[in-house]
Each structure stands twice: as C-alpha cells, then as structure tokens.
C-alpha cells in the first residue's frame, strides 16, 4: 500500500486489528507497507534457497534499507545496510554501503571482490 505517512499509520493500525488474518504487515518505506502471508518474508525465501543449495545462510550477503529487510539483515552472515537505511537496519548490519540510488550495491560487491574485508 502507498499513501501519505499520516494516513499510512492509521491504515496499518486498522489492518493490524484484524488479528485473525494470517498475514504480516511490515513497513517498506516512508510511504509504503506490505501485507504478505504469515511466513512470506525475504528471510524465509533465503532460508529456502539455503536449504535447496546447501549453502549456509551464514555465507549469504543481502542488502536492505527498511523494516521489511531487518530480519534478513540480522540472520545472514553479511547483512549490508544501504546508506539511506533506517537506523535499526544500519545497527543490525555487518556493513553500511552507499545509497541505493547511487550504486551502493555495486560498490559493496566490488569491495568484497577486491577482498577489502
């Protein structure tokens, strides 16, 4: 959903009051929130990939900037926050890279490939 932040908070509270719905509601930007199935998260997807590929999730790198990325950032071995991320994502991250609108992901990948860490 997308709407002005003041309306977004009110709408989110109303939706959260329907506790019988098997969904999760998470903020994904200052004007956005997402409604997904209860166990449908970015982290859940990475866990499935980890199981299928036999690659430990501790070896994964992921990038995020908002609350919908927080569990993923905390759980993988190399959670990277974007420069424009909210504070909780930055605090949970292994590293912080450049802004997502200015090649921050590419910058971090290049640094890793150059073995700067």
N, C-alpha and C. Protein backbone atom coordinates (compact mmCIF):
# COMPACT_ATOMS: atom_id res chain seq x y z
N UNK A 1 0.83 -1.17 0.00
CA UNK A 1 0.00 0.00 0.00
C UNK A 1 0.88 1.23 0.00
N UNK A 2 0.37 2.29 -0.60
CA UNK A 2 1.10 3.56 -0.63
C UNK A 2 0.11 4.69 -0.38
N UNK A 3 0.47 5.57 0.54
CA UNK A 3 -0.33 6.76 0.82
C UNK A 3 0.50 7.68 1.71
N UNK A 4 0.03 8.89 1.96
CA UNK A 4 0.78 9.80 2.84
C UNK A 4 1.04 9.15 4.20
N UNK A 5 2.21 9.40 4.79
CA UNK A 5 2.58 8.74 6.05
C UNK A 5 1.54 8.85 7.16
N UNK A 6 0.88 9.98 7.31
CA UNK A 6 -0.12 10.11 8.37
C UNK A 6 -1.27 9.14 8.17
N UNK A 7 -1.70 8.96 6.95
CA UNK A 7 -2.77 8.01 6.65
C UNK A 7 -2.28 6.57 6.73
N UNK A 8 -1.04 6.37 6.39
CA UNK A 8 -0.46 5.03 6.38
C UNK A 8 -0.47 4.43 7.79
N UNK A 9 -0.08 5.21 8.77
CA UNK A 9 -0.05 4.72 10.15
C UNK A 9 -1.44 4.31 10.61
N UNK A 10 -2.44 5.12 10.30
CA UNK A 10 -3.81 4.82 10.69
C UNK A 10 -4.32 3.56 9.99
N UNK A 11 -4.05 3.45 8.71
CA UNK A 11 -4.48 2.28 7.94
C UNK A 11 -3.79 1.02 8.46
N UNK A 12 -2.50 1.12 8.75
CA UNK A 12 -1.77 -0.03 9.26
C UNK A 12 -2.36 -0.49 10.60
N UNK A 13 -2.69 0.44 11.49
CA UNK A 13 -3.29 0.07 12.77
C UNK A 13 -4.63 -0.65 12.58
N UNK A 14 -5.43 -0.15 11.66
CA UNK A 14 -6.73 -0.79 11.39
C UNK A 14 -6.53 -2.22 10.89
N UNK A 15 -5.60 -2.40 9.97
CA UNK A 15 -5.36 -3.74 9.44
C UNK A 15 -4.81 -4.68 10.51
N UNK A 16 -3.94 -4.16 11.36
CA UNK A 16 -3.36 -4.99 12.42
C UNK A 16 -4.41 -5.40 13.45
N UNK A 17 -5.51 -4.66 13.52
CA UNK A 17 -6.57 -5.02 14.47
C UNK A 17 -7.31 -6.29 14.05
N UNK A 18 -7.18 -6.67 12.81
CA UNK A 18 -7.78 -7.92 12.33
C UNK A 18 -6.82 -9.06 12.63
N UNK A 19 -6.71 -9.39 13.90
CA UNK A 19 -5.69 -10.35 14.33
C UNK A 19 -5.92 -11.76 13.82
N UNK A 20 -7.11 -12.05 13.34
CA UNK A 20 -7.37 -13.40 12.84
C UNK A 20 -6.80 -13.63 11.44
N UNK A 21 -6.36 -12.57 10.78
CA UNK A 21 -5.79 -12.72 9.44
C UNK A 21 -4.39 -13.31 9.54
N UNK A 22 -4.09 -14.36 8.79
CA UNK A 22 -2.75 -14.96 8.83
C UNK A 22 -1.77 -14.20 7.93
N UNK A 23 -1.51 -12.95 8.28
CA UNK A 23 -0.63 -12.11 7.48
C UNK A 23 0.38 -11.39 8.37
N UNK A 24 1.43 -10.89 7.74
CA UNK A 24 2.36 -9.99 8.41
C UNK A 24 2.31 -8.65 7.68
N UNK A 25 2.41 -7.60 8.44
CA UNK A 25 2.39 -6.25 7.89
C UNK A 25 3.71 -5.61 8.24
N UNK A 26 4.43 -5.12 7.25
CA UNK A 26 5.73 -4.50 7.52
C UNK A 26 5.89 -3.24 6.69
N UNK A 27 6.59 -2.28 7.25
CA UNK A 27 6.88 -1.04 6.53
C UNK A 27 8.02 -1.31 5.56
N UNK A 28 7.88 -0.77 4.36
CA UNK A 28 8.93 -0.95 3.35
C UNK A 28 9.36 0.39 2.77
N UNK A 29 9.00 1.47 3.43
CA UNK A 29 9.37 2.81 3.02
C UNK A 29 8.53 3.81 3.79
N UNK A 30 8.86 5.07 3.70
CA UNK A 30 8.12 6.07 4.47
C UNK A 30 6.70 6.24 3.97
N UNK A 31 6.42 5.82 2.75
CA UNK A 31 5.08 5.91 2.19
C UNK A 31 4.46 4.54 1.91
N UNK A 32 5.13 3.47 2.30
CA UNK A 32 4.70 2.13 1.90
C UNK A 32 4.67 1.15 3.06
N UNK A 33 3.78 0.19 2.97
CA UNK A 33 3.88 -1.01 3.78
C UNK A 33 3.38 -2.18 2.95
N UNK A 34 3.80 -3.36 3.35
CA UNK A 34 3.49 -4.57 2.62
C UNK A 34 2.65 -5.50 3.48
N UNK A 35 1.76 -6.21 2.85
CA UNK A 35 0.99 -7.25 3.52
C UNK A 35 1.31 -8.55 2.80
N UNK A 36 1.84 -9.50 3.56
CA UNK A 36 2.21 -10.80 2.99
C UNK A 36 1.64 -11.91 3.85
N UNK A 37 1.66 -13.11 3.29
CA UNK A 37 1.28 -14.28 4.07
C UNK A 37 2.17 -14.37 5.30
N UNK A 38 1.68 -15.01 6.34
CA UNK A 38 2.34 -15.01 7.64
C UNK A 38 3.82 -15.40 7.58
N UNK A 39 4.17 -16.36 6.80
CA UNK A 39 5.57 -16.79 6.74
C UNK A 39 6.23 -16.43 5.42
N UNK A 40 5.72 -15.42 4.75
CA UNK A 40 6.27 -14.98 3.47
C UNK A 40 7.13 -13.75 3.71
N UNK A 41 8.44 -13.98 3.81
CA UNK A 41 9.38 -12.89 4.06
C UNK A 41 10.61 -13.09 3.18
N UNK A 42 11.41 -12.07 3.11
CA UNK A 42 12.66 -12.19 2.37
C UNK A 42 13.57 -13.22 3.05
N UNK A 43 13.58 -13.21 4.37
CA UNK A 43 14.38 -14.19 5.10
C UNK A 43 13.91 -15.61 4.81
N UNK A 44 12.61 -15.83 4.81
CA UNK A 44 12.09 -17.17 4.51
C UNK A 44 12.53 -17.64 3.13
N UNK A 45 12.54 -16.74 2.17
CA UNK A 45 12.99 -17.09 0.82
C UNK A 45 14.47 -17.47 0.83
N UNK A 46 15.29 -16.71 1.55
CA UNK A 46 16.72 -17.03 1.62
C UNK A 46 16.95 -18.35 2.35
N UNK A 47 16.15 -18.63 3.36
CA UNK A 47 16.29 -19.91 4.06
C UNK A 47 15.97 -21.08 3.13
N UNK A 48 14.96 -20.93 2.30
CA UNK A 48 14.64 -21.98 1.32
C UNK A 48 15.77 -22.15 0.32
N UNK A 49 16.32 -21.04 -0.17
CA UNK A 49 17.45 -21.11 -1.11
C UNK A 49 18.63 -21.80 -0.44
N UNK A 50 18.88 -21.47 0.82
CA UNK A 50 19.97 -22.08 1.57
C UNK A 50 19.79 -23.59 1.67
N UNK A 51 18.58 -24.01 2.02
CA UNK A 51 18.29 -25.44 2.13
C UNK A 51 18.47 -26.15 0.79
N UNK A 52 17.94 -25.58 -0.25
CA UNK A 52 18.00 -26.18 -1.58
C UNK A 52 19.43 -26.25 -2.11
N UNK A 53 20.17 -25.17 -1.93
CA UNK A 53 21.52 -25.08 -2.49
C UNK A 53 22.59 -25.69 -1.60
N UNK A 54 22.21 -25.98 -0.35
CA UNK A 54 23.17 -26.49 0.64
C UNK A 54 24.27 -25.47 0.96
N UNK A 55 23.99 -24.21 0.72
CA UNK A 55 24.91 -23.13 1.08
C UNK A 55 24.42 -22.54 2.40
N UNK A 56 25.26 -22.53 3.43
CA UNK A 56 24.82 -22.00 4.72
C UNK A 56 24.40 -20.53 4.61
N UNK A 57 23.34 -20.19 5.31
CA UNK A 57 22.86 -18.81 5.28
C UNK A 57 23.92 -17.85 5.84
N UNK A 58 24.83 -18.39 6.63
CA UNK A 58 25.94 -17.58 7.16
C UNK A 58 26.87 -17.11 6.04
N UNK A 59 26.79 -17.74 4.87
CA UNK A 59 27.62 -17.34 3.73
C UNK A 59 26.90 -16.37 2.80
N UNK A 60 25.66 -16.04 3.09
CA UNK A 60 24.87 -15.16 2.22
C UNK A 60 25.17 -13.69 2.52
N UNK A 61 25.07 -12.88 1.49
CA UNK A 61 25.11 -11.42 1.63
C UNK A 61 23.79 -10.90 1.11
N UNK A 62 23.21 -9.97 1.84
CA UNK A 62 21.98 -9.34 1.38
C UNK A 62 22.04 -7.85 1.68
N UNK A 63 21.18 -7.11 1.03
CA UNK A 63 21.15 -5.66 1.14
C UNK A 63 19.75 -5.22 1.53
N UNK A 64 19.65 -4.21 2.38
CA UNK A 64 18.34 -3.73 2.77
C UNK A 64 18.37 -2.31 3.28
N UNK A 65 17.16 -1.73 3.36
CA UNK A 65 17.08 -0.34 3.82
C UNK A 65 15.90 -0.06 4.74
N UNK A 66 14.97 -1.00 4.88
CA UNK A 66 13.79 -0.67 5.68
C UNK A 66 13.38 -1.86 6.55
N UNK A 67 12.34 -1.67 7.33
CA UNK A 67 11.91 -2.67 8.30
C UNK A 67 11.61 -4.04 7.72
N UNK A 68 11.15 -4.08 6.48
CA UNK A 68 10.86 -5.37 5.85
C UNK A 68 12.13 -6.16 5.53
N UNK A 69 13.28 -5.54 5.70
CA UNK A 69 14.57 -6.19 5.44
C UNK A 69 15.28 -6.60 6.74
N UNK A 70 14.78 -6.14 7.87
CA UNK A 70 15.52 -6.26 9.13
C UNK A 70 15.82 -7.70 9.52
N UNK A 71 14.85 -8.60 9.49
CA UNK A 71 15.13 -9.98 9.90
C UNK A 71 16.15 -10.63 8.98
N UNK A 72 16.10 -10.32 7.72
CA UNK A 72 17.05 -10.85 6.74
C UNK A 72 18.47 -10.32 7.04
N UNK A 73 18.58 -9.03 7.29
CA UNK A 73 19.88 -8.40 7.59
C UNK A 73 20.50 -9.04 8.84
N UNK A 74 19.68 -9.30 9.84
CA UNK A 74 20.18 -9.88 11.09
C UNK A 74 20.62 -11.32 10.93
N UNK A 75 19.97 -12.07 10.09
CA UNK A 75 20.16 -13.51 10.03
C UNK A 75 21.28 -13.98 9.11
N UNK A 76 21.49 -13.30 8.00
CA UNK A 76 22.54 -13.75 7.07
C UNK A 76 23.92 -13.40 7.64
N UNK A 77 24.93 -14.01 7.07
CA UNK A 77 26.28 -13.73 7.55
C UNK A 77 26.76 -12.33 7.25
N UNK A 78 26.30 -11.78 6.14
CA UNK A 78 26.78 -10.48 5.68
C UNK A 78 25.60 -9.59 5.29
N UNK A 79 24.93 -9.07 6.28
CA UNK A 79 23.82 -8.16 6.04
C UNK A 79 24.35 -6.75 5.83
N UNK A 80 24.01 -6.15 4.73
CA UNK A 80 24.52 -4.83 4.38
C UNK A 80 23.36 -3.83 4.32
N UNK A 81 23.51 -2.75 5.06
CA UNK A 81 22.50 -1.68 5.03
C UNK A 81 22.91 -0.64 4.00
N UNK A 82 21.92 -0.11 3.35
CA UNK A 82 22.16 0.99 2.41
C UNK A 82 22.35 2.27 3.22
N UNK A 83 23.08 3.21 2.68
CA UNK A 83 23.35 4.48 3.36
C UNK A 83 22.05 5.18 3.78
N UNK A 84 21.01 5.03 2.99
CA UNK A 84 19.74 5.67 3.27
C UNK A 84 18.80 4.79 4.11
N UNK A 85 19.33 3.73 4.71
CA UNK A 85 18.51 2.81 5.51
C UNK A 85 18.07 3.47 6.81
N UNK A 86 17.00 2.93 7.38
CA UNK A 86 16.58 3.39 8.69
C UNK A 86 17.60 2.92 9.73
N UNK A 87 17.64 3.59 10.87
CA UNK A 87 18.66 3.32 11.88
C UNK A 87 18.70 1.87 12.36
N UNK A 88 17.54 1.26 12.56
CA UNK A 88 17.53 -0.12 13.06
C UNK A 88 18.19 -1.08 12.08
N UNK A 89 18.06 -0.83 10.80
CA UNK A 89 18.71 -1.68 9.79
C UNK A 89 20.21 -1.43 9.82
N UNK A 90 20.62 -0.18 9.91
CA UNK A 90 22.05 0.14 9.97
C UNK A 90 22.70 -0.50 11.20
N UNK A 91 22.02 -0.44 12.34
CA UNK A 91 22.57 -1.00 13.57
C UNK A 91 22.72 -2.52 13.49
N UNK A 92 21.82 -3.18 12.80
CA UNK A 92 21.85 -4.64 12.69
C UNK A 92 22.83 -5.13 11.63
N UNK A 93 23.25 -4.26 10.74
CA UNK A 93 24.05 -4.66 9.58
C UNK A 93 25.51 -4.95 9.91
N UNK A 94 26.08 -5.80 9.11
CA UNK A 94 27.52 -6.09 9.16
C UNK A 94 28.30 -4.88 8.66
N UNK A 95 27.85 -4.28 7.56
CA UNK A 95 28.47 -3.10 6.96
C UNK A 95 27.37 -2.20 6.41
N UNK A 96 27.72 -0.94 6.17
CA UNK A 96 26.83 0.02 5.51
C UNK A 96 27.51 0.43 4.21
N UNK A 97 26.75 0.46 3.13
CA UNK A 97 27.29 0.85 1.83
C UNK A 97 26.61 2.12 1.35
N UNK A 98 26.89 2.53 0.14
CA UNK A 98 26.33 3.75 -0.41
C UNK A 98 24.82 3.70 -0.59
N UNK A 99 24.28 4.80 -0.99
CA UNK A 99 22.84 4.97 -1.22
C UNK A 99 22.34 4.02 -2.30
N UNK A 100 21.11 3.55 -2.15
CA UNK A 100 20.58 2.62 -3.15
C UNK A 100 20.29 3.29 -4.50
N UNK A 101 20.29 4.59 -4.54
CA UNK A 101 20.10 5.30 -5.81
C UNK A 101 21.42 5.68 -6.47
N UNK A 102 22.53 5.31 -5.83
CA UNK A 102 23.84 5.68 -6.36
C UNK A 102 24.82 4.51 -6.32
N UNK A 103 24.38 3.36 -6.79
CA UNK A 103 25.24 2.19 -6.97
C UNK A 103 25.83 1.62 -5.69
N UNK A 104 25.12 1.77 -4.58
CA UNK A 104 25.62 1.24 -3.31
C UNK A 104 25.83 -0.26 -3.31
N UNK A 105 24.95 -1.00 -3.96
CA UNK A 105 25.11 -2.46 -4.02
C UNK A 105 26.35 -2.81 -4.83
N UNK A 106 26.50 -2.21 -5.99
CA UNK A 106 27.67 -2.47 -6.84
C UNK A 106 28.96 -2.10 -6.10
N UNK A 107 28.92 -1.01 -5.38
CA UNK A 107 30.10 -0.56 -4.61
C UNK A 107 30.53 -1.64 -3.61
N UNK A 108 29.58 -2.20 -2.88
CA UNK A 108 29.91 -3.22 -1.89
C UNK A 108 30.40 -4.50 -2.56
N UNK A 109 29.76 -4.92 -3.62
CA UNK A 109 30.20 -6.13 -4.32
C UNK A 109 31.63 -5.96 -4.82
N UNK A 110 31.94 -4.81 -5.37
CA UNK A 110 33.31 -4.55 -5.84
C UNK A 110 34.30 -4.62 -4.68
N UNK A 111 33.94 -4.07 -3.54
CA UNK A 111 34.84 -4.10 -2.38
C UNK A 111 35.07 -5.53 -1.90
N UNK A 112 34.02 -6.34 -1.92
CA UNK A 112 34.15 -7.73 -1.50
C UNK A 112 35.03 -8.50 -2.49
N UNK A 113 34.80 -8.29 -3.79
CA UNK A 113 35.60 -8.98 -4.80
C UNK A 113 37.07 -8.58 -4.75
N UNK A 114 37.33 -7.36 -4.32
CA UNK A 114 38.72 -6.89 -4.15
C UNK A 114 39.31 -7.35 -2.82
N UNK A 115 38.51 -8.08 -2.05
CA UNK A 115 38.94 -8.63 -0.75
C UNK A 115 39.36 -7.54 0.23
N UNK A 116 38.59 -6.47 0.27
CA UNK A 116 38.87 -5.38 1.19
C UNK A 116 38.45 -5.73 2.62
N UNK A 117 37.74 -6.84 2.79
CA UNK A 117 37.28 -7.23 4.13
C UNK A 117 37.86 -8.57 4.51
